[in-house]
C-alpha atoms as a PDB file:
ATOM      1  CA  MET A   1      -8.136 -18.128   0.321  1.00  0.00           C
ATOM      2  CA  SER A   2      -4.997 -16.517   1.713  1.00  0.00           C
ATOM      3  CA  LYS A   3      -4.146 -13.163   0.219  1.00  0.00           C
ATOM      4  CA  ASN A   4      -0.838 -11.394  -0.188  1.00  0.00           C
ATOM      5  CA  ILE A   5      -1.432  -7.777   0.783  1.00  0.00           C
ATOM      6  CA  LEU A   6       1.152  -5.239  -0.311  1.00  0.00           C
ATOM      7  CA  VAL A   7       1.409  -2.369   2.168  1.00  0.00           C
ATOM      8  CA  TYR A   8       3.066   0.938   1.296  1.00  0.00           C
ATOM      9  CA  CYS A   9       3.856   3.052   4.356  1.00  0.00           C
ATOM     10  CA  GLY A  10       6.336   5.444   5.862  1.00  0.00           C
ATOM     11  CA  SER A  11       9.823   4.792   7.148  1.00  0.00           C
ATOM     12  CA  SER A  12       8.849   7.397   9.750  1.00  0.00           C
ATOM     13  CA  ALA A  13       6.213   6.841  12.422  1.00  0.00           C
ATOM     14  CA  GLY A  14       4.819  10.375  12.368  1.00  0.00           C
ATOM     15  CA  PHE A  15       4.416  12.594  15.422  1.00  0.00           C
ATOM     16  CA  ASP A  16       0.967  11.498  16.578  1.00  0.00           C
ATOM     17  CA  PRO A  17       0.707   8.102  18.371  1.00  0.00           C
ATOM     18  CA  ILE A  18      -2.561   7.447  16.504  1.00  0.00           C
ATOM     19  CA  TYR A  19      -0.555   6.300  13.456  1.00  0.00           C
ATOM     20  CA  GLU A  20       1.072   3.484  15.414  1.00  0.00           C
ATOM     21  CA  GLN A  21      -2.228   2.541  17.064  1.00  0.00           C
ATOM     22  CA  GLU A  22      -4.091   2.317  13.754  1.00  0.00           C
ATOM     23  CA  VAL A  23      -1.288   0.376  12.044  1.00  0.00           C
ATOM     24  CA  LYS A  24      -1.478  -2.180  14.848  1.00  0.00           C
ATOM     25  CA  LYS A  25      -5.246  -2.423  14.301  1.00  0.00           C
ATOM     26  CA  LEU A  26      -4.591  -3.033  10.623  1.00  0.00           C
ATOM     27  CA  ALA A  27      -2.118  -5.801  11.474  1.00  0.00           C
ATOM     28  CA  SER A  28      -4.702  -7.448  13.717  1.00  0.00           C
ATOM     29  CA  ALA A  29      -7.421  -7.246  11.044  1.00  0.00           C
ATOM     30  CA  LEU A  30      -5.095  -8.717   8.394  1.00  0.00           C
ATOM     31  CA  LYS A  31      -4.058 -11.527  10.744  1.00  0.00           C
ATOM     32  CA  LYS A  32      -7.709 -12.503  11.242  1.00  0.00           C
ATOM     33  CA  GLN A  33      -7.815 -13.057   7.478  1.00  0.00           C
ATOM     34  CA  GLU A  34      -4.504 -15.006   7.541  1.00  0.00           C
ATOM     35  CA  ALA A  35      -3.047 -12.620   4.967  1.00  0.00           C
ATOM     36  CA  THR A  36       0.642 -12.408   4.159  1.00  0.00           C
ATOM     37  CA  ILE A  37       2.060  -8.884   4.292  1.00  0.00           C
ATOM     38  CA  ILE A  38       4.409  -7.745   1.547  1.00  0.00           C
ATOM     39  CA  PHE A  39       6.280  -4.544   2.368  1.00  0.00           C
ATOM     40  CA  GLY A  40       9.516  -2.617   1.896  1.00  0.00           C
ATOM     41  CA  ALA A  41      11.457  -4.735   4.440  1.00  0.00           C
ATOM     42  CA  GLY A  42      12.162  -1.801   6.749  1.00  0.00           C
ATOM     43  CA  SER A  43      12.575  -2.031  10.508  1.00  0.00           C
ATOM     44  CA  VAL A  44      11.887   1.662  11.094  1.00  0.00           C
ATOM     45  CA  GLY A  45       8.818   3.882  11.089  1.00  0.00           C
ATOM     46  CA  LEU A  46       5.379   2.546  10.244  1.00  0.00           C
ATOM     47  CA  MET A  47       7.027  -0.236   8.224  1.00  0.00           C
ATOM     48  CA  GLY A  48       8.813  -1.502  11.312  1.00  0.00           C
ATOM     49  CA  ILE A  49       5.734  -1.118  13.514  1.00  0.00           C
ATOM     50  CA  LEU A  50       3.613  -3.066  11.026  1.00  0.00           C
ATOM     51  CA  ALA A  51       6.146  -5.897  10.682  1.00  0.00           C
ATOM     52  CA  ASP A  52       6.852  -6.103  14.427  1.00  0.00           C
ATOM     53  CA  GLU A  53       3.156  -6.318  15.248  1.00  0.00           C
ATOM     54  CA  TYR A  54       2.387  -8.810  12.495  1.00  0.00           C
ATOM     55  CA  ILE A  55       5.209 -11.100  13.539  1.00  0.00           C
ATOM     56  CA  ARG A  56       4.117 -10.787  17.193  1.00  0.00           C
ATOM     57  CA  LEU A  57       0.648 -11.938  16.121  1.00  0.00           C
ATOM     58  CA  GLY A  58       2.131 -14.927  14.300  1.00  0.00           C
ATOM     59  CA  GLY A  59       1.699 -13.565  10.771  1.00  0.00           C
ATOM     60  CA  LYS A  60       4.024 -13.860   7.788  1.00  0.00           C
ATOM     61  CA  CYS A  61       5.857 -10.887   6.299  1.00  0.00           C
ATOM     62  CA  ILE A  62       7.747 -10.802   3.020  1.00  0.00           C
ATOM     63  CA  GLY A  63      10.123  -7.852   2.728  1.00  0.00           C
ATOM     64  CA  ILE A  64      11.523  -6.584  -0.557  1.00  0.00           C
ATOM     65  CA  ILE A  65      14.529  -4.271  -0.498  1.00  0.00           C
ATOM     66  CA  PRO A  66      16.939  -2.977  -3.146  1.00  0.00           C
ATOM     67  CA  SER A  67      20.581  -3.988  -2.638  1.00  0.00           C
ATOM     68  CA  PHE A  68      21.815  -0.406  -2.262  1.00  0.00           C
ATOM     69  CA  MET A  69      19.713  -0.021   0.910  1.00  0.00           C
ATOM     70  CA  GLU A  70      21.221  -3.036   2.666  1.00  0.00           C
ATOM     71  CA  PRO A  71      24.280  -1.135   3.965  1.00  0.00           C
ATOM     72  CA  TRP A  72      21.929   1.388   5.604  1.00  0.00           C
ATOM     73  CA  GLU A  73      21.091  -1.353   8.120  1.00  0.00           C
ATOM     74  CA  VAL A  74      17.354  -0.675   8.110  1.00  0.00           C
ATOM     75  CA  LYS A  75      16.375  -4.150   6.888  1.00  0.00           C
ATOM     76  CA  HIS A  76      14.048  -5.925   9.314  1.00  0.00           C
ATOM     77  CA  LYS A  77      15.856  -8.894  10.857  1.00  0.00           C
ATOM     78  CA  GLY A  78      12.752 -10.709  12.113  1.00  0.00           C
ATOM     79  CA  ILE A  79      10.772 -11.221   8.908  1.00  0.00           C
ATOM     80  CA  GLN A  80      10.341 -14.714   7.518  1.00  0.00           C
ATOM     81  CA  GLU A  81      11.411 -13.873   3.968  1.00  0.00           C
ATOM     82  CA  CYS A  82      13.426 -11.053   2.419  1.00  0.00           C
ATOM     83  CA  ILE A  83      13.965 -10.574  -1.304  1.00  0.00           C
ATOM     84  CA  VAL A  84      16.827  -8.338  -2.439  1.00  0.00           C
ATOM     85  CA  THR A  85      16.474  -6.602  -5.811  1.00  0.00           C
ATOM     86  CA  GLU A  86      18.945  -4.700  -7.960  1.00  0.00           C
ATOM     87  CA  SER A  87      16.929  -1.474  -8.186  1.00  0.00           C
ATOM     88  CA  MET A  88      13.926   0.423  -6.876  1.00  0.00           C
ATOM     89  CA  HIS A  89      12.098  -0.297 -10.136  1.00  0.00           C
ATOM     90  CA  GLU A  90      12.691  -4.020  -9.760  1.00  0.00           C
ATOM     91  CA  ARG A  91      11.593  -3.790  -6.122  1.00  0.00           C
ATOM     92  CA  LYS A  92       8.240  -2.208  -7.035  1.00  0.00           C
ATOM     93  CA  GLN A  93       7.697  -4.703  -9.847  1.00  0.00           C
ATOM     94  CA  LYS A  94       8.410  -7.667  -7.557  1.00  0.00           C
ATOM     95  CA  MET A  95       6.089  -6.308  -4.881  1.00  0.00           C
ATOM     96  CA  ALA A  96       3.272  -5.999  -7.431  1.00  0.00           C
ATOM     97  CA  GLU A  97       3.922  -9.468  -8.858  1.00  0.00           C
ATOM     98  CA  LEU A  98       3.522 -11.079  -5.429  1.00  0.00           C
ATOM     99  CA  ALA A  99       0.482  -9.046  -4.354  1.00  0.00           C
ATOM    100  CA  ASP A 100      -3.243  -9.745  -4.508  1.00  0.00           C
ATOM    101  CA  GLY A 101      -4.128  -6.319  -3.113  1.00  0.00           C
ATOM    102  CA  VAL A 102      -2.482  -3.009  -2.209  1.00  0.00           C
ATOM    103  CA  LEU A 103      -2.956  -0.722   0.787  1.00  0.00           C
ATOM    104  CA  THR A 104      -1.290   2.642   1.302  1.00  0.00           C
ATOM    105  CA  LEU A 105      -0.857   4.018   4.808  1.00  0.00           C
ATOM    106  CA  PRO A 106       0.580   7.414   5.758  1.00  0.00           C
ATOM    107  CA  GLY A 107       4.039   7.971   4.337  1.00  0.00           C
ATOM    108  CA  GLY A 108       6.243  10.333   2.382  1.00  0.00           C
ATOM    109  CA  TRP A 109       7.639  10.510  -1.160  1.00  0.00           C
ATOM    110  CA  GLY A 110       8.208   6.765  -1.413  1.00  0.00           C
ATOM    111  CA  SER A 111       4.649   5.894  -0.449  1.00  0.00           C
ATOM    112  CA  MET A 112       3.263   8.515  -2.853  1.00  0.00           C
ATOM    113  CA  ASP A 113       5.460   7.229  -5.683  1.00  0.00           C
ATOM    114  CA  GLU A 114       4.333   3.663  -5.065  1.00  0.00           C
ATOM    115  CA  LEU A 115       0.648   4.566  -4.747  1.00  0.00           C
ATOM    116  CA  PHE A 116       0.514   6.624  -7.932  1.00  0.00           C
ATOM    117  CA  GLU A 117       2.496   4.087  -9.914  1.00  0.00           C
ATOM    118  CA  ILE A 118       0.219   1.197  -8.889  1.00  0.00           C
ATOM    119  CA  LEU A 119      -2.844   3.358  -9.706  1.00  0.00           C
ATOM    120  CA  THR A 120      -1.361   4.217 -13.102  1.00  0.00           C
ATOM    121  CA  TRP A 121      -0.728   0.528 -13.771  1.00  0.00           C
ATOM    122  CA  LYS A 122      -4.343  -0.173 -12.832  1.00  0.00           C
ATOM    123  CA  GLN A 123      -5.593   2.594 -15.119  1.00  0.00           C
ATOM    124  CA  LEU A 124      -3.563   1.001 -17.932  1.00  0.00           C
ATOM    125  CA  ASP A 125      -5.145  -2.392 -17.127  1.00  0.00           C
ATOM    126  CA  LEU A 126      -1.794  -3.904 -16.156  1.00  0.00           C
ATOM    127  CA  HIS A 127      -3.423  -5.362 -13.033  1.00  0.00           C
ATOM    128  CA  GLN A 128      -6.876  -5.671 -11.477  1.00  0.00           C
ATOM    129  CA  MET A 129      -5.900  -5.644  -7.817  1.00  0.00           C
ATOM    130  CA  PRO A 130      -7.783  -3.646  -5.207  1.00  0.00           C
ATOM    131  CA  VAL A 131      -5.950  -0.450  -4.240  1.00  0.00           C
ATOM    132  CA  GLY A 132      -6.836   1.159  -0.917  1.00  0.00           C
ATOM    133  CA  LEU A 133      -5.803   4.364   0.827  1.00  0.00           C
ATOM    134  CA  LEU A 134      -6.024   4.247   4.622  1.00  0.00           C
ATOM    135  CA  ASN A 135      -6.664   7.843   5.652  1.00  0.00           C
ATOM    136  CA  ILE A 136      -5.545   7.610   9.275  1.00  0.00           C
ATOM    137  CA  ASN A 137      -6.200  10.798  11.264  1.00  0.00           C
ATOM    138  CA  GLY A 138      -7.195  12.661   8.094  1.00  0.00           C
ATOM    139  CA  TYR A 139      -3.608  12.347   6.850  1.00  0.00           C
ATOM    140  CA  TYR A 140      -4.658  12.219   3.202  1.00  0.00           C
ATOM    141  CA  ASP A 141      -7.477  14.794   3.303  1.00  0.00           C
ATOM    142  CA  HIS A 142      -5.502  17.336   1.246  1.00  0.00           C
ATOM    143  CA  LEU A 143      -4.412  14.704  -1.269  1.00  0.00           C
ATOM    144  CA  ILE A 144      -8.010  13.540  -1.678  1.00  0.00           C
ATOM    145  CA  ALA A 145      -9.034  17.172  -2.267  1.00  0.00           C
ATOM    146  CA  GLN A 146      -6.280  17.469  -4.901  1.00  0.00           C
ATOM    147  CA  MET A 147      -7.500  14.328  -6.684  1.00  0.00           C
ATOM    148  CA  ASN A 148     -11.050  15.725  -6.757  1.00  0.00           C
ATOM    149  CA  HIS A 149      -9.611  18.961  -8.145  1.00  0.00           C
ATOM    150  CA  MET A 150      -7.934  16.914 -10.911  1.00  0.00           C
ATOM    151  CA  ILE A 151     -11.385  15.598 -11.868  1.00  0.00           C
ATOM    152  CA  LYS A 152     -12.912  19.093 -11.766  1.00  0.00           C
ATOM    153  CA  GLU A 153     -10.169  20.419 -14.048  1.00  0.00           C
ATOM    154  CA  GLY A 154     -10.445  17.527 -16.528  1.00  0.00           C
ATOM    155  CA  PHE A 155      -7.160  15.716 -15.849  1.00  0.00           C
ATOM    156  CA  LEU A 156      -8.607  12.650 -14.148  1.00  0.00           C
ATOM    157  CA  LYS A 157     -11.820  10.759 -14.781  1.00  0.00           C
ATOM    158  CA  GLU A 158     -14.084  10.145 -11.822  1.00  0.00           C
ATOM    159  CA  ARG A 159     -14.302   6.459 -12.751  1.00  0.00           C
ATOM    160  CA  ASN A 160     -10.528   6.135 -12.505  1.00  0.00           C
ATOM    161  CA  LEU A 161     -10.448   7.868  -9.123  1.00  0.00           C
ATOM    162  CA  SER A 162     -13.015   5.337  -7.959  1.00  0.00           C
ATOM    163  CA  ALA A 163     -10.323   2.683  -8.518  1.00  0.00           C
ATOM    164  CA  LEU A 164      -8.823   4.020  -5.280  1.00  0.00           C
ATOM    165  CA  HIS A 165     -10.854   2.929  -2.266  1.00  0.00           C
ATOM    166  CA  ILE A 166     -10.519   5.337   0.666  1.00  0.00           C
ATOM    167  CA  GLU A 167     -11.223   4.319   4.263  1.00  0.00           C
ATOM    168  CA  ASN A 168     -10.513   5.820   7.672  1.00  0.00           C
ATOM    169  CA  ASP A 169     -10.945   2.557   9.588  1.00  0.00           C
ATOM    170  CA  PRO A 170      -8.416  -0.325   9.304  1.00  0.00           C
ATOM    171  CA  GLU A 171     -10.975  -3.093   9.905  1.00  0.00           C
ATOM    172  CA  SER A 172     -13.320  -1.716   7.230  1.00  0.00           C
ATOM    173  CA  MET A 173     -10.399  -1.476   4.820  1.00  0.00           C
ATOM    174  CA  VAL A 174      -9.455  -5.120   5.365  1.00  0.00           C
ATOM    175  CA  ASP A 175     -13.082  -6.216   4.935  1.00  0.00           C
ATOM    176  CA  TRP A 176     -13.194  -4.318   1.632  1.00  0.00           C
ATOM    177  CA  VAL A 177      -9.903  -5.661   0.257  1.00  0.00           C
ATOM    178  CA  MET A 178     -10.835  -9.251   1.106  1.00  0.00           C
ATOM    179  CA  GLN A 179     -14.217  -8.985  -0.651  1.00  0.00           C
ATOM    180  CA  TYR A 180     -12.986  -7.064  -3.703  1.00  0.00           C
ATOM    181  CA  GLU A 181     -14.252  -8.042  -7.152  1.00  0.00           C
ATOM    182  CA  PRO A 182     -12.005  -6.931 -10.066  1.00  0.00           C
ATOM    183  CA  GLU A 183     -13.275  -4.426 -12.603  1.00  0.00           C
ATOM    184  CA  LYS A 184     -11.941  -3.185 -15.920  1.00  0.00           C
ATOM    185  CA  MET A 185     -10.592   0.348 -15.973  1.00  0.00           C
ATOM    186  CA  GLU A 186     -11.644   3.062 -18.406  1.00  0.00           C
ATOM    187  CA  LYS A 187      -8.893   4.038 -20.831  1.00  0.00           C
ATOM    188  CA  LYS A 188      -8.573   7.652 -19.676  1.00  0.00           C
ATOM    189  CA  TRP A 189      -5.970   8.739 -22.182  1.00  0.00           C
ATOM    190  CA  ILE A 190      -8.172   8.029 -25.229  1.00  0.00           C
ATOM    191  CA  TYR A 191      -9.973  11.186 -26.320  1.00  0.00           C
ATOM    192  CA  ARG A 192     -11.406  11.063 -29.835  1.00  0.00           C
ATOM    193  CA  GLY A 193     -13.272  13.583 -31.944  1.00  0.00           C
END
């Protein structure tokens, strides 16, 4: 079965060429599974690298961009489908509606916002999609340490952190997302007695 994989990633490419190399490996692994990539429609940074490579490999990309970004001229011109939304909130909702799974690659504020929102939605049982964090070059090591600290301090349950699958290798991540079996989340906010 074909899967729609939502990919959150940076509009910057980072300084180290390893980010581009690993994103291209991810594109190749997703193409072997005949997935459709859903992303932020950008032509720059890791977003642009991912879309360029996926299109080069013959894959389908669906971009979703809010209307206020269109004048910035960052919208990818080569993607097969582009959906324009009225707001960032509508953009994120549309992305989630179309997706069967979510992967987060290195990125900045936008990628963090998207990752934590989709994890919160999962914790609230609003979806049962797989959510993966691709830790290229140890990019997310400090964030992973912070999440473990949240558990240690009693602000996050270990079971809910386990809803985020962390991998360093793109091929292993794709294997995991394609074989994922949904699970119900623990209601972390309910503390009684």
